[in-house]
Protein backbone atom coordinates (compact mmCIF):
# COMPACT_ATOMS: atom_id res chain seq x y z
CA UNK A 1 97.45 128.29 108.37
CA UNK A 2 95.99 126.42 111.31
CA UNK A 3 95.93 122.69 110.81
CA UNK A 4 93.51 120.34 112.47
CA UNK A 5 95.94 117.93 114.07
CA UNK A 6 94.34 114.54 114.56
CA UNK A 7 97.22 112.08 114.29
CA UNK A 8 100.05 111.42 116.69
CA UNK A 9 103.53 110.27 115.67
CA UNK A 10 106.13 108.93 118.07
CA UNK A 11 109.77 108.04 117.62
CA UNK A 12 112.34 106.60 119.97
CA UNK A 13 115.52 108.66 120.08
CA UNK A 14 118.50 109.00 122.36
CA UNK A 15 118.88 111.83 124.85
CA UNK A 16 121.67 113.27 122.69
CA UNK A 17 119.44 113.23 119.61
CA UNK A 18 116.61 114.89 121.53
CA UNK A 19 118.99 117.55 122.81
CA UNK A 20 120.30 118.31 119.33
CA UNK A 21 116.78 118.54 117.92
CA UNK A 22 115.68 120.80 120.80
CA UNK A 23 118.70 123.06 120.27
CA UNK A 24 118.02 123.31 116.53
CA UNK A 25 114.34 124.04 117.17
CA UNK A 26 115.26 126.82 119.60
CA UNK A 27 117.66 128.34 117.08
CA UNK A 28 114.83 128.37 114.51
CA UNK A 29 112.37 129.83 117.03
CA UNK A 30 110.13 126.77 116.84
CA UNK A 31 108.82 124.23 119.29
CA UNK A 32 110.50 120.86 119.10
CA UNK A 33 107.33 119.33 117.65
CA UNK A 34 106.93 122.02 115.01
CA UNK A 35 110.60 121.75 114.06
CA UNK A 36 110.45 117.97 113.68
CA UNK A 37 107.19 118.06 111.70
CA UNK A 38 108.40 120.81 109.35
CA UNK A 39 111.69 119.07 108.66
CA UNK A 40 110.08 115.64 108.26
CA UNK A 41 107.48 116.99 105.82
CA UNK A 42 110.11 118.81 103.77
CA UNK A 43 112.27 115.69 103.62
CA UNK A 44 109.29 113.49 102.74
CA UNK A 45 108.20 115.82 99.93
CA UNK A 46 111.73 115.89 98.54
CA UNK A 47 112.01 112.09 98.69
CA UNK A 48 108.67 111.61 96.90
CA UNK A 49 109.65 114.13 94.23
CA UNK A 50 112.99 112.43 93.64
CA UNK A 51 111.24 109.12 93.06
CA UNK A 52 108.20 110.29 91.10
CA UNK A 53 109.38 113.23 88.98
CA UNK A 54 111.43 112.53 85.88
CA UNK A 55 113.87 115.30 85.06
CA UNK A 56 115.26 115.41 81.53
CA UNK A 57 118.14 117.33 80.09
CA UNK A 58 117.34 119.89 77.42
CA UNK A 59 118.66 117.46 74.81
CA UNK A 60 116.48 114.59 76.04
CA UNK A 61 113.42 116.85 76.19
CA UNK A 62 114.04 117.95 72.61
CA UNK A 63 114.43 114.34 71.42
CA UNK A 64 111.13 113.32 73.01
CA UNK A 65 109.32 116.35 71.59
CA UNK A 66 110.70 115.66 68.11
CA UNK A 67 109.69 111.99 68.32
CA UNK A 68 106.15 113.01 69.29
CA UNK A 69 105.89 115.65 66.57
CA UNK A 70 107.44 113.50 63.84
CA UNK A 71 107.46 109.87 64.99
CA UNK A 72 109.77 107.43 63.24
CA UNK A 73 108.34 104.77 60.96
CA UNK A 74 107.43 101.57 62.85
CA UNK A 75 109.93 98.75 62.65
CA UNK A 76 109.09 95.42 61.06
CA UNK A 77 108.58 93.88 64.50
CA UNK A 78 106.06 96.58 65.41
CA UNK A 79 104.22 96.15 62.10
CA UNK A 80 104.01 92.39 62.65
CA UNK A 81 102.75 92.88 66.18
CA UNK A 82 100.07 95.34 65.04
CA UNK A 83 99.00 92.91 62.35
CA UNK A 84 98.80 90.01 64.81
CA UNK A 85 96.70 92.11 67.21
CA UNK A 86 94.25 93.25 64.54
CA UNK A 87 93.19 89.95 63.28
């Protein structure tokens, strides 16, 4: 896939950091820029997923499904709140 690259991103790094990144890029058969962009995008996607996706255990999933299928009776507090909101 050919991307239309319109934005530029710069970062200040040490010579040692640049050397390490260049070495890793060479080992992967990528340009330094491609290596950095691929790794940054993968890390960004993982970070977003970790913060936005809720993962439940099988037990928790089952509890939620059961509560949706057969919800418990509302508590007295909920009944009073509903009544206060309706009139």
